[in-house]
Every structure is written in C-alpha cells, then in structure tokens.
N, C-alpha and C. Protein backbone atom coordinates (compact mmCIF):
# COMPACT_ATOMS: atom_id res chain seq x y z
N MET A 1 0.82 -1.20 0.00
CA MET A 1 0.00 0.00 0.00
C MET A 1 0.86 1.26 0.00
N LYS A 2 1.99 1.21 0.76
CA LYS A 2 2.86 2.38 0.82
C LYS A 2 3.49 2.66 -0.54
N LYS A 3 3.81 1.58 -1.30
CA LYS A 3 4.40 1.76 -2.63
C LYS A 3 3.41 2.45 -3.57
N ASN A 4 2.14 2.07 -3.49
CA ASN A 4 1.11 2.70 -4.33
C ASN A 4 0.97 4.17 -4.00
N LYS A 5 0.97 4.49 -2.72
CA LYS A 5 0.84 5.89 -2.29
C LYS A 5 2.03 6.70 -2.80
N LYS A 6 3.23 6.15 -2.68
CA LYS A 6 4.43 6.84 -3.17
C LYS A 6 4.37 7.02 -4.69
N ALA A 7 3.89 6.00 -5.39
CA ALA A 7 3.78 6.09 -6.85
C ALA A 7 2.78 7.17 -7.26
N ILE A 8 1.67 7.25 -6.53
CA ILE A 8 0.65 8.28 -6.83
C ILE A 8 1.22 9.67 -6.57
N ILE A 9 1.87 9.86 -5.43
CA ILE A 9 2.47 11.15 -5.10
C ILE A 9 3.52 11.53 -6.14
N PHE A 10 4.36 10.58 -6.52
CA PHE A 10 5.38 10.84 -7.54
C PHE A 10 4.73 11.24 -8.87
N SER A 11 3.68 10.54 -9.25
CA SER A 11 2.98 10.82 -10.51
C SER A 11 2.37 12.22 -10.50
N VAL A 12 1.74 12.56 -9.38
CA VAL A 12 1.12 13.89 -9.26
C VAL A 12 2.19 14.98 -9.32
N LEU A 13 3.27 14.80 -8.61
CA LEU A 13 4.36 15.79 -8.62
C LEU A 13 4.96 15.93 -10.02
N THR A 14 5.12 14.82 -10.71
CA THR A 14 5.66 14.85 -12.07
C THR A 14 4.73 15.65 -12.99
N ILE A 15 3.44 15.41 -12.89
CA ILE A 15 2.47 16.15 -13.73
C ILE A 15 2.51 17.64 -13.40
N VAL A 16 2.54 17.97 -12.11
CA VAL A 16 2.61 19.38 -11.70
C VAL A 16 3.87 20.03 -12.26
N LEU A 17 5.01 19.35 -12.15
CA LEU A 17 6.27 19.90 -12.66
C LEU A 17 6.23 20.10 -14.17
N ILE A 18 5.59 19.18 -14.89
CA ILE A 18 5.48 19.32 -16.34
C ILE A 18 4.66 20.57 -16.68
N PHE A 19 3.53 20.76 -16.01
CA PHE A 19 2.70 21.93 -16.28
C PHE A 19 3.39 23.23 -15.89
N VAL A 20 4.07 23.22 -14.75
CA VAL A 20 4.81 24.42 -14.33
C VAL A 20 5.93 24.73 -15.33
N GLY A 21 6.65 23.68 -15.75
CA GLY A 21 7.72 23.88 -16.74
C GLY A 21 7.19 24.42 -18.05
N LYS A 22 6.06 23.89 -18.51
CA LYS A 22 5.45 24.38 -19.76
C LYS A 22 5.04 25.84 -19.62
N TYR A 23 4.44 26.18 -18.47
CA TYR A 23 4.02 27.57 -18.23
C TYR A 23 5.22 28.51 -18.25
N VAL A 24 6.28 28.13 -17.55
CA VAL A 24 7.49 28.97 -17.51
C VAL A 24 8.08 29.12 -18.91
N TYR A 25 8.13 28.02 -19.66
CA TYR A 25 8.65 28.08 -21.03
C TYR A 25 7.78 28.99 -21.90
N ASP A 26 6.46 28.76 -21.87
CA ASP A 26 5.56 29.56 -22.71
C ASP A 26 5.64 31.05 -22.37
N MET A 27 5.61 31.39 -21.09
CA MET A 27 5.57 32.80 -20.69
C MET A 27 6.92 33.50 -20.80
N ASN A 28 8.00 32.83 -20.44
CA ASN A 28 9.28 33.53 -20.32
C ASN A 28 10.29 33.23 -21.41
N ILE A 29 10.12 32.15 -22.13
CA ILE A 29 11.09 31.81 -23.17
C ILE A 29 10.45 31.93 -24.56
N ASN A 30 9.30 31.32 -24.72
CA ASN A 30 8.60 31.34 -26.01
C ASN A 30 7.62 32.50 -26.15
N HIS A 31 7.29 33.17 -25.04
CA HIS A 31 6.40 34.33 -25.01
C HIS A 31 5.02 34.00 -25.59
N ASN A 32 4.58 32.77 -25.40
CA ASN A 32 3.28 32.30 -25.91
C ASN A 32 3.15 32.51 -27.42
N PHE A 33 4.25 32.45 -28.12
CA PHE A 33 4.24 32.60 -29.58
C PHE A 33 3.59 31.37 -30.21
N GLU A 34 2.71 31.62 -31.16
CA GLU A 34 2.00 30.52 -31.81
C GLU A 34 1.65 30.92 -33.25
N THR A 35 1.71 29.95 -34.12
CA THR A 35 1.31 30.17 -35.51
C THR A 35 -0.20 30.04 -35.60
N ILE A 36 -0.84 31.07 -36.16
CA ILE A 36 -2.28 31.02 -36.42
C ILE A 36 -2.49 30.49 -37.84
N THR A 37 -1.85 31.13 -38.80
CA THR A 37 -1.83 30.66 -40.19
C THR A 37 -0.41 30.88 -40.70
N ALA A 38 0.29 29.81 -40.99
CA ALA A 38 1.70 29.88 -41.38
C ALA A 38 1.90 30.86 -42.53
N GLY A 39 2.89 31.74 -42.35
CA GLY A 39 3.22 32.72 -43.38
C GLY A 39 2.30 33.92 -43.42
N LYS A 40 1.27 33.94 -42.55
CA LYS A 40 0.32 35.04 -42.56
C LYS A 40 0.12 35.69 -41.20
N VAL A 41 -0.28 34.90 -40.22
CA VAL A 41 -0.66 35.47 -38.92
C VAL A 41 -0.09 34.63 -37.78
N TYR A 42 0.48 35.35 -36.80
CA TYR A 42 1.03 34.75 -35.61
C TYR A 42 0.49 35.52 -34.41
N LYS A 43 0.52 34.90 -33.23
CA LYS A 43 0.10 35.60 -32.02
C LYS A 43 1.10 35.32 -30.92
N SER A 44 1.17 36.24 -29.95
CA SER A 44 2.10 36.05 -28.84
C SER A 44 1.72 36.94 -27.67
N GLY A 45 2.47 36.75 -26.59
CA GLY A 45 2.46 37.70 -25.49
C GLY A 45 3.55 38.71 -25.79
N VAL A 46 3.92 39.48 -24.78
CA VAL A 46 4.97 40.49 -24.96
C VAL A 46 6.30 39.80 -25.24
N ILE A 47 6.94 40.22 -26.30
CA ILE A 47 8.29 39.77 -26.62
C ILE A 47 9.23 40.90 -26.21
N PRO A 48 10.23 40.64 -25.39
CA PRO A 48 11.13 41.71 -24.96
C PRO A 48 11.71 42.46 -26.17
N PRO A 49 11.85 43.78 -26.05
CA PRO A 49 12.32 44.58 -27.19
C PRO A 49 13.61 44.06 -27.83
N ASP A 50 14.52 43.50 -27.02
CA ASP A 50 15.78 43.01 -27.60
C ASP A 50 15.62 41.67 -28.31
N GLU A 51 14.44 41.05 -28.25
CA GLU A 51 14.20 39.78 -28.93
C GLU A 51 13.26 39.92 -30.14
N ILE A 52 12.63 41.05 -30.27
CA ILE A 52 11.63 41.23 -31.35
C ILE A 52 12.23 40.98 -32.72
N GLU A 53 13.39 41.53 -32.98
CA GLU A 53 13.99 41.41 -34.31
C GLU A 53 14.21 39.96 -34.71
N SER A 54 14.58 39.10 -33.76
CA SER A 54 14.81 37.69 -34.11
C SER A 54 13.50 37.02 -34.56
N TYR A 55 12.38 37.35 -33.93
CA TYR A 55 11.08 36.81 -34.35
C TYR A 55 10.69 37.37 -35.71
N VAL A 56 10.91 38.66 -35.89
CA VAL A 56 10.59 39.31 -37.17
C VAL A 56 11.34 38.64 -38.30
N LYS A 57 12.61 38.40 -38.12
CA LYS A 57 13.42 37.78 -39.18
C LYS A 57 13.03 36.32 -39.41
N LYS A 58 12.84 35.58 -38.34
CA LYS A 58 12.53 34.16 -38.46
C LYS A 58 11.20 33.93 -39.18
N TYR A 59 10.20 34.77 -38.90
CA TYR A 59 8.85 34.57 -39.46
C TYR A 59 8.50 35.59 -40.55
N HIS A 60 9.47 36.42 -40.94
CA HIS A 60 9.30 37.43 -42.00
C HIS A 60 8.14 38.38 -41.70
N ILE A 61 7.98 38.73 -40.43
CA ILE A 61 6.88 39.58 -39.99
C ILE A 61 7.05 40.99 -40.53
N LYS A 62 5.96 41.53 -41.09
CA LYS A 62 5.97 42.89 -41.63
C LYS A 62 5.19 43.86 -40.76
N SER A 63 4.30 43.34 -39.90
CA SER A 63 3.48 44.22 -39.06
C SER A 63 3.26 43.59 -37.69
N ILE A 64 3.28 44.46 -36.68
CA ILE A 64 2.99 44.04 -35.31
C ILE A 64 1.78 44.83 -34.84
N VAL A 65 0.75 44.10 -34.39
CA VAL A 65 -0.46 44.72 -33.84
C VAL A 65 -0.41 44.52 -32.33
N ASP A 66 -0.24 45.62 -31.61
CA ASP A 66 -0.12 45.61 -30.15
C ASP A 66 -1.47 45.96 -29.54
N LEU A 67 -2.05 45.03 -28.80
CA LEU A 67 -3.38 45.22 -28.21
C LEU A 67 -3.34 45.68 -26.76
N ARG A 68 -2.15 45.90 -26.22
CA ARG A 68 -2.04 46.28 -24.82
C ARG A 68 -2.71 47.63 -24.55
N MET A 69 -3.26 47.75 -23.34
CA MET A 69 -4.01 48.94 -22.97
C MET A 69 -3.58 49.38 -21.57
N PRO A 70 -2.52 50.17 -21.47
CA PRO A 70 -2.05 50.58 -20.15
C PRO A 70 -3.04 51.52 -19.46
N GLY A 71 -2.90 51.58 -18.14
CA GLY A 71 -3.70 52.54 -17.39
C GLY A 71 -5.03 52.02 -16.90
N THR A 72 -5.30 50.72 -17.05
CA THR A 72 -6.58 50.19 -16.60
C THR A 72 -6.56 49.80 -15.13
N ASN A 73 -5.38 49.76 -14.53
CA ASN A 73 -5.19 49.33 -13.14
C ASN A 73 -5.62 47.89 -12.91
N ASP A 74 -5.73 47.11 -13.97
CA ASP A 74 -6.02 45.68 -13.86
C ASP A 74 -4.69 44.95 -13.92
N LEU A 75 -4.14 44.63 -12.76
CA LEU A 75 -2.81 44.05 -12.70
C LEU A 75 -2.78 42.57 -13.07
N VAL A 76 -3.95 41.97 -13.27
CA VAL A 76 -4.00 40.57 -13.67
C VAL A 76 -4.08 40.45 -15.19
N LEU A 77 -5.09 41.06 -15.80
CA LEU A 77 -5.29 40.93 -17.24
C LEU A 77 -4.57 42.00 -18.06
N ASN A 78 -4.41 43.20 -17.52
CA ASN A 78 -3.77 44.30 -18.25
C ASN A 78 -2.68 44.95 -17.41
N PRO A 79 -1.61 44.23 -17.08
CA PRO A 79 -0.58 44.81 -16.20
C PRO A 79 0.42 45.72 -16.92
N GLU A 80 0.18 46.01 -18.18
CA GLU A 80 1.15 46.75 -18.96
C GLU A 80 1.28 48.22 -18.52
N LYS A 81 2.44 48.77 -18.83
CA LYS A 81 2.74 50.18 -18.52
C LYS A 81 3.14 50.89 -19.81
N MET A 82 2.87 52.18 -19.86
CA MET A 82 3.14 52.96 -21.07
C MET A 82 4.60 52.85 -21.52
N GLY A 83 5.53 52.84 -20.57
CA GLY A 83 6.95 52.75 -20.92
C GLY A 83 7.28 51.47 -21.67
N GLU A 84 6.57 50.39 -21.37
CA GLU A 84 6.80 49.12 -22.07
C GLU A 84 6.37 49.22 -23.53
N LEU A 85 5.25 49.88 -23.76
CA LEU A 85 4.78 50.06 -25.14
C LEU A 85 5.77 50.92 -25.93
N GLN A 86 6.26 51.98 -25.28
CA GLN A 86 7.21 52.87 -25.94
C GLN A 86 8.50 52.14 -26.28
N ALA A 87 8.96 51.30 -25.38
CA ALA A 87 10.20 50.53 -25.64
C ALA A 87 10.01 49.61 -26.83
N GLU A 88 8.84 48.98 -26.94
CA GLU A 88 8.58 48.11 -28.08
C GLU A 88 8.50 48.92 -29.37
N ARG A 89 7.79 50.03 -29.32
CA ARG A 89 7.65 50.88 -30.51
C ARG A 89 9.02 51.33 -31.02
N GLU A 90 9.90 51.71 -30.10
CA GLU A 90 11.25 52.14 -30.49
C GLU A 90 12.05 50.98 -31.09
N ALA A 91 11.93 49.80 -30.49
CA ALA A 91 12.65 48.63 -31.01
C ALA A 91 12.17 48.29 -32.42
N VAL A 92 10.87 48.34 -32.64
CA VAL A 92 10.32 48.03 -33.96
C VAL A 92 10.72 49.09 -34.98
N SER A 93 10.79 50.34 -34.56
CA SER A 93 11.15 51.43 -35.50
C SER A 93 12.57 51.26 -36.05
N LYS A 94 13.41 50.49 -35.37
CA LYS A 94 14.78 50.26 -35.82
C LYS A 94 14.90 49.08 -36.78
N ILE A 95 13.78 48.39 -37.01
CA ILE A 95 13.79 47.23 -37.92
C ILE A 95 13.19 47.67 -39.25
N ASP A 96 13.98 47.62 -40.31
CA ASP A 96 13.52 48.06 -41.63
C ASP A 96 12.31 47.26 -42.09
N GLY A 97 11.32 47.98 -42.62
CA GLY A 97 10.18 47.36 -43.26
C GLY A 97 9.13 46.76 -42.35
N VAL A 98 9.17 47.11 -41.06
CA VAL A 98 8.17 46.57 -40.13
C VAL A 98 7.29 47.70 -39.60
N ASN A 99 5.97 47.48 -39.67
CA ASN A 99 5.00 48.44 -39.16
C ASN A 99 4.61 48.09 -37.74
N TYR A 100 4.40 49.12 -36.93
CA TYR A 100 3.91 48.92 -35.57
C TYR A 100 2.55 49.59 -35.47
N PHE A 101 1.52 48.82 -35.11
CA PHE A 101 0.17 49.35 -34.95
C PHE A 101 -0.27 49.15 -33.51
N SER A 102 -0.70 50.23 -32.87
CA SER A 102 -1.25 50.15 -31.53
C SER A 102 -2.77 50.16 -31.65
N ASN A 103 -3.42 49.15 -31.08
CA ASN A 103 -4.88 49.07 -31.08
C ASN A 103 -5.31 48.68 -29.66
N PRO A 104 -5.19 49.62 -28.69
CA PRO A 104 -5.47 49.31 -27.29
C PRO A 104 -6.87 48.73 -27.12
N SER A 105 -6.93 47.55 -26.53
CA SER A 105 -8.21 46.85 -26.44
C SER A 105 -8.44 46.29 -25.04
N GLU A 106 -9.68 46.33 -24.62
CA GLU A 106 -10.10 45.59 -23.43
C GLU A 106 -10.09 44.11 -23.82
N GLN A 107 -10.43 43.25 -22.88
CA GLN A 107 -10.48 41.82 -23.17
C GLN A 107 -11.51 41.49 -24.24
N VAL A 108 -12.61 42.22 -24.25
CA VAL A 108 -13.63 42.09 -25.29
C VAL A 108 -13.57 43.36 -26.13
N PRO A 109 -13.34 43.24 -27.45
CA PRO A 109 -13.16 44.42 -28.30
C PRO A 109 -14.43 45.26 -28.41
N ASN A 110 -14.23 46.54 -28.72
CA ASN A 110 -15.37 47.39 -29.06
C ASN A 110 -15.37 47.61 -30.57
N GLU A 111 -16.35 48.32 -31.06
CA GLU A 111 -16.50 48.50 -32.51
C GLU A 111 -15.29 49.21 -33.13
N LYS A 112 -14.75 50.21 -32.42
CA LYS A 112 -13.58 50.93 -32.94
C LYS A 112 -12.39 49.97 -33.07
N ASN A 113 -12.18 49.11 -32.07
CA ASN A 113 -11.10 48.12 -32.15
C ASN A 113 -11.24 47.26 -33.39
N ILE A 114 -12.45 46.81 -33.67
CA ILE A 114 -12.69 45.95 -34.83
C ILE A 114 -12.41 46.70 -36.12
N GLN A 115 -12.82 47.95 -36.19
CA GLN A 115 -12.57 48.76 -37.39
C GLN A 115 -11.07 48.94 -37.62
N VAL A 116 -10.33 49.26 -36.58
CA VAL A 116 -8.87 49.44 -36.71
C VAL A 116 -8.23 48.11 -37.13
N PHE A 117 -8.63 47.04 -36.48
CA PHE A 117 -8.05 45.72 -36.75
C PHE A 117 -8.32 45.29 -38.19
N THR A 118 -9.55 45.40 -38.65
CA THR A 118 -9.86 44.96 -40.01
C THR A 118 -9.20 45.85 -41.06
N LYS A 119 -9.02 47.12 -40.75
CA LYS A 119 -8.31 48.00 -41.69
C LYS A 119 -6.86 47.54 -41.85
N ILE A 120 -6.23 47.16 -40.75
CA ILE A 120 -4.85 46.65 -40.81
C ILE A 120 -4.82 45.34 -41.59
N MET A 121 -5.73 44.44 -41.25
CA MET A 121 -5.71 43.10 -41.84
C MET A 121 -6.21 43.08 -43.28
N ASP A 122 -6.95 44.09 -43.70
CA ASP A 122 -7.40 44.18 -45.09
C ASP A 122 -6.25 44.48 -46.04
N ASP A 123 -5.19 45.11 -45.54
CA ASP A 123 -4.06 45.54 -46.37
C ASP A 123 -3.07 44.38 -46.51
N LYS A 124 -3.02 43.78 -47.68
CA LYS A 124 -2.15 42.62 -47.93
C LYS A 124 -0.67 42.96 -47.71
N ALA A 125 -0.32 44.23 -47.86
CA ALA A 125 1.08 44.64 -47.67
C ALA A 125 1.53 44.51 -46.21
N ASN A 126 0.59 44.37 -45.29
CA ASN A 126 0.93 44.26 -43.87
C ASN A 126 1.34 42.85 -43.45
N TYR A 127 1.11 41.88 -44.31
CA TYR A 127 1.37 40.48 -43.94
C TYR A 127 2.82 40.07 -44.19
N PRO A 128 3.28 39.12 -43.37
CA PRO A 128 2.75 38.45 -42.20
C PRO A 128 2.61 39.40 -41.00
N VAL A 129 1.60 39.12 -40.16
CA VAL A 129 1.25 39.97 -39.03
C VAL A 129 1.44 39.19 -37.73
N LEU A 130 1.99 39.88 -36.73
CA LEU A 130 2.06 39.35 -35.37
C LEU A 130 1.06 40.14 -34.53
N ILE A 131 0.10 39.43 -33.94
CA ILE A 131 -0.89 40.03 -33.05
C ILE A 131 -0.46 39.69 -31.63
N HIS A 132 -0.35 40.70 -30.76
CA HIS A 132 0.03 40.36 -29.39
C HIS A 132 -0.63 41.26 -28.35
N CYS A 133 -0.75 40.68 -27.16
CA CYS A 133 -1.21 41.41 -25.99
C CYS A 133 -0.15 41.20 -24.90
N TYR A 134 -0.51 41.27 -23.66
CA TYR A 134 0.50 41.11 -22.61
C TYR A 134 0.87 39.65 -22.41
N HIS A 135 -0.12 38.81 -22.14
CA HIS A 135 0.15 37.40 -21.87
C HIS A 135 0.12 36.53 -23.13
N GLY A 136 -0.63 36.96 -24.14
CA GLY A 136 -0.79 36.16 -25.35
C GLY A 136 -1.86 35.10 -25.22
N THR A 137 -2.67 35.19 -24.16
CA THR A 137 -3.69 34.16 -23.93
C THR A 137 -5.10 34.73 -23.82
N GLY A 138 -5.27 35.99 -24.05
CA GLY A 138 -6.60 36.61 -23.95
C GLY A 138 -6.92 37.39 -25.21
N ARG A 139 -6.48 38.62 -25.24
CA ARG A 139 -6.78 39.48 -26.39
C ARG A 139 -6.15 38.97 -27.67
N ALA A 140 -4.91 38.49 -27.61
CA ALA A 140 -4.27 37.97 -28.83
C ALA A 140 -5.04 36.78 -29.37
N GLU A 141 -5.54 35.93 -28.48
CA GLU A 141 -6.34 34.79 -28.93
C GLU A 141 -7.70 35.26 -29.48
N MET A 142 -8.28 36.27 -28.83
CA MET A 142 -9.56 36.81 -29.30
C MET A 142 -9.42 37.33 -30.74
N TYR A 143 -8.41 38.15 -30.98
CA TYR A 143 -8.24 38.74 -32.31
C TYR A 143 -7.80 37.70 -33.34
N SER A 144 -7.10 36.68 -32.89
CA SER A 144 -6.76 35.58 -33.80
C SER A 144 -8.03 34.87 -34.26
N ALA A 145 -8.95 34.67 -33.33
CA ALA A 145 -10.24 34.05 -33.67
C ALA A 145 -11.02 34.95 -34.63
N LEU A 146 -11.01 36.26 -34.36
CA LEU A 146 -11.71 37.20 -35.25
C LEU A 146 -11.09 37.20 -36.65
N TYR A 147 -9.77 37.10 -36.71
CA TYR A 147 -9.10 37.00 -38.01
C TYR A 147 -9.62 35.77 -38.76
N ARG A 148 -9.70 34.65 -38.07
CA ARG A 148 -10.15 33.42 -38.73
C ARG A 148 -11.59 33.54 -39.23
N ILE A 149 -12.44 34.21 -38.45
CA ILE A 149 -13.83 34.40 -38.88
C ILE A 149 -13.89 35.32 -40.08
N GLU A 150 -13.19 36.45 -40.01
CA GLU A 150 -13.26 37.46 -41.07
C GLU A 150 -12.55 37.05 -42.35
N TYR A 151 -11.40 36.38 -42.24
CA TYR A 151 -10.54 36.17 -43.41
C TYR A 151 -10.39 34.72 -43.84
N GLU A 152 -10.75 33.78 -42.98
CA GLU A 152 -10.56 32.37 -43.34
C GLU A 152 -11.87 31.58 -43.30
N ASN A 153 -12.97 32.31 -43.18
CA ASN A 153 -14.31 31.72 -43.22
C ASN A 153 -14.54 30.64 -42.16
N PHE A 154 -13.88 30.76 -41.02
CA PHE A 154 -14.17 29.87 -39.90
C PHE A 154 -15.56 30.22 -39.38
N THR A 155 -16.28 29.23 -38.90
CA THR A 155 -17.51 29.53 -38.18
C THR A 155 -17.11 30.10 -36.83
N ASN A 156 -18.06 30.74 -36.17
CA ASN A 156 -17.77 31.29 -34.85
C ASN A 156 -17.30 30.21 -33.89
N GLU A 157 -17.96 29.06 -33.94
CA GLU A 157 -17.61 27.97 -33.01
C GLU A 157 -16.24 27.37 -33.35
N GLN A 158 -15.91 27.26 -34.64
CA GLN A 158 -14.57 26.77 -35.01
C GLN A 158 -13.50 27.73 -34.51
N ALA A 159 -13.74 29.01 -34.68
CA ALA A 159 -12.77 30.02 -34.25
C ALA A 159 -12.64 30.03 -32.73
N ARG A 160 -13.75 29.93 -32.03
CA ARG A 160 -13.73 29.91 -30.56
C ARG A 160 -13.01 28.66 -30.06
N SER A 161 -13.28 27.52 -30.67
CA SER A 161 -12.63 26.27 -30.28
C SER A 161 -11.14 26.29 -30.58
N GLY A 162 -10.75 27.07 -31.59
CA GLY A 162 -9.35 27.12 -31.99
C GLY A 162 -8.46 27.97 -31.11
N VAL A 163 -9.05 28.75 -30.19
CA VAL A 163 -8.23 29.64 -29.38
C VAL A 163 -7.56 28.94 -28.21
N ARG A 164 -8.15 27.86 -27.74
CA ARG A 164 -7.62 27.15 -26.58
C ARG A 164 -7.73 25.66 -26.80
N THR A 165 -6.81 24.93 -26.22
CA THR A 165 -6.90 23.48 -26.25
C THR A 165 -8.13 23.04 -25.46
N LEU A 166 -8.38 23.72 -24.35
CA LEU A 166 -9.51 23.41 -23.50
C LEU A 166 -10.34 24.67 -23.31
N ILE A 167 -11.53 24.71 -23.91
CA ILE A 167 -12.42 25.86 -23.78
C ILE A 167 -13.14 25.85 -22.43
N LYS A 168 -13.55 24.66 -22.01
CA LYS A 168 -14.28 24.54 -20.75
C LYS A 168 -13.45 25.11 -19.62
N TRP A 169 -14.04 25.92 -18.79
CA TRP A 169 -13.43 26.58 -17.64
C TRP A 169 -12.43 27.67 -18.02
N SER A 170 -12.35 28.03 -19.30
CA SER A 170 -11.46 29.13 -19.70
C SER A 170 -12.29 30.40 -19.86
N SER A 171 -11.62 31.51 -20.16
CA SER A 171 -12.33 32.78 -20.36
C SER A 171 -13.11 32.79 -21.67
N PHE A 172 -12.96 31.73 -22.49
CA PHE A 172 -13.71 31.62 -23.75
C PHE A 172 -14.87 30.63 -23.63
N ASP A 173 -15.16 30.20 -22.41
CA ASP A 173 -16.22 29.22 -22.17
C ASP A 173 -17.61 29.86 -22.35
N ASP A 174 -18.62 29.00 -22.47
CA ASP A 174 -20.00 29.47 -22.50
C ASP A 174 -20.28 30.30 -21.25
N GLY A 175 -20.99 31.41 -21.44
CA GLY A 175 -21.35 32.26 -20.31
C GLY A 175 -20.29 33.27 -19.91
N LYS A 176 -19.07 33.12 -20.40
CA LYS A 176 -18.00 34.08 -20.11
C LYS A 176 -18.03 35.18 -21.18
N PRO A 177 -17.67 36.42 -20.83
CA PRO A 177 -17.76 37.52 -21.81
C PRO A 177 -17.06 37.24 -23.15
N LYS A 178 -15.83 36.69 -23.11
CA LYS A 178 -15.12 36.43 -24.37
C LYS A 178 -15.78 35.31 -25.16
N GLY A 179 -16.20 34.28 -24.47
CA GLY A 179 -16.88 33.18 -25.15
C GLY A 179 -18.18 33.62 -25.80
N GLU A 180 -18.97 34.39 -25.07
CA GLU A 180 -20.25 34.86 -25.60
C GLU A 180 -20.04 35.85 -26.75
N TYR A 181 -19.00 36.69 -26.63
CA TYR A 181 -18.71 37.65 -27.71
C TYR A 181 -18.39 36.90 -29.01
N LEU A 182 -17.53 35.89 -28.91
CA LEU A 182 -17.16 35.14 -30.12
C LEU A 182 -18.36 34.37 -30.69
N LYS A 183 -19.21 33.85 -29.84
CA LYS A 183 -20.38 33.12 -30.32
C LYS A 183 -21.33 34.05 -31.08
N ALA A 184 -21.43 35.31 -30.62
CA ALA A 184 -22.39 36.25 -31.21
C ALA A 184 -21.79 37.11 -32.33
N TYR A 185 -20.48 37.08 -32.49
CA TYR A 185 -19.82 37.96 -33.45
C TYR A 185 -20.33 37.72 -34.87
N LYS A 186 -20.57 38.82 -35.58
CA LYS A 186 -20.99 38.73 -36.98
C LYS A 186 -19.92 39.37 -37.85
N SER A 187 -19.43 38.60 -38.81
CA SER A 187 -18.40 39.12 -39.72
C SER A 187 -19.01 40.17 -40.62
N ARG A 188 -18.15 40.92 -41.27
CA ARG A 188 -18.63 41.95 -42.21
C ARG A 188 -19.41 41.30 -43.35
N LYS A 189 -18.99 40.10 -43.74
CA LYS A 189 -19.70 39.37 -44.79
C LYS A 189 -21.11 39.00 -44.33
N GLN A 190 -21.24 38.52 -43.10
CA GLN A 190 -22.55 38.18 -42.56
C GLN A 190 -23.45 39.41 -42.47
N LEU A 191 -22.89 40.51 -41.99
CA LEU A 191 -23.67 41.73 -41.86
C LEU A 191 -24.15 42.23 -43.22
N ALA A 192 -23.27 42.13 -44.24
CA ALA A 192 -23.65 42.56 -45.59
C ALA A 192 -24.78 41.68 -46.14
N GLU A 193 -24.69 40.38 -45.88
CA GLU A 193 -25.74 39.46 -46.36
C GLU A 193 -27.06 39.73 -45.69
N GLU A 194 -27.03 40.11 -44.42
CA GLU A 194 -28.27 40.42 -43.70
C GLU A 194 -28.96 41.66 -44.25
N LYS A 195 -28.17 42.59 -44.80
CA LYS A 195 -28.74 43.82 -45.34
C LYS A 195 -29.42 43.62 -46.68
N GLN A 196 -29.10 42.52 -47.37
CA GLN A 196 -29.66 42.29 -48.70
C GLN A 196 -31.09 41.82 -48.63
C-alpha cells in the first residue's frame, strides 16, 4: 500500500512539474508565440524589445499589432505600462520594413477596435502579421479568432474552439464575456448578407 501511495504522489508531482515547466517556457522563453496561419498570422504575449527582431526575421513579420491597454489598473489581465509600449515601438522602429500598430483593447473588443483591426488586416502589404497582448492568452487569442472568422471563413464555433486546447473553464467558455462575444460575433460578410 505504501508503494502505491508513493507512486501516486510521484505521478502527481511529475504532472505538476510538467505543467509548471510548460508555463514557464511559454511565458518567459517562447512568449506564448503561436502560428495562427503559417506565413500570414502569428500571435504572442509580450516579446522583450531586444528579442523582437529575431522573431521578425525568423517569421518574415511585416506588421505588429499591439493590443495592450495601459492605465486600466487591472494588474491581472492588463498589467502593462506605457513605458513598455514605448520601448517596443522604439525597437520596432529600428527594424527596416516593419509596421507597428497600436490598437489598445479591453479583453472584449469594441466597434472601434474591430474597425482598426480589419483596416490593418485588409491591407495585404501588412502580412505576415504578429498580433500580441500582454500574456498572449486573452486578447491575442480573441483577435486571432476574429481573423479566422473574417478572413478564413471559420464559423464562430470553429474560431472559438481554436483559441484554446480546453475551452471549458477558460475565459472563452459558454457564459464568459469572451466566449459569448465570439459566439455572437458577426463578420462583415454576414452583416452585408443580412442587409440584402
């Protein structure tokens, strides 16, 4: 019986260490960088200014869409500070041929955010695009889903399911503001069809 208990404790600790290691890697080494559509759209959390150029070169990124919104006093979801945005803007300005777009957004976009975002994404010269927020797990995923709905003809549910490995109990779950927003979102194509 003691061997079974030790095996269970060891197994649980191993699983916890794997998840902690993955979290540390994603947040601090990989910056939650992920391919949304190869050669077109990528998403991430904040990439330190001295590392941005390496990502730009590796993925041939031509535009960075920064969704951070400083000054909200939300230290969990929006812990960014204005100086961090300025440091990124300066780092990007030193890289030839890369555009920096600021589109400050809450966790759930408003109509102005959508207009700015679609204007950027409508311009083929802006691709490949990196969409990022602070953590890379909220706003960046939201806008990645919106990109898929608007430009890749994903259904709302396909796009919502594509943002997380596990939707249940996440901020994109049923009944949560981000989940409900994505379920109800209407693309420009849908809106145009409704007017006919």
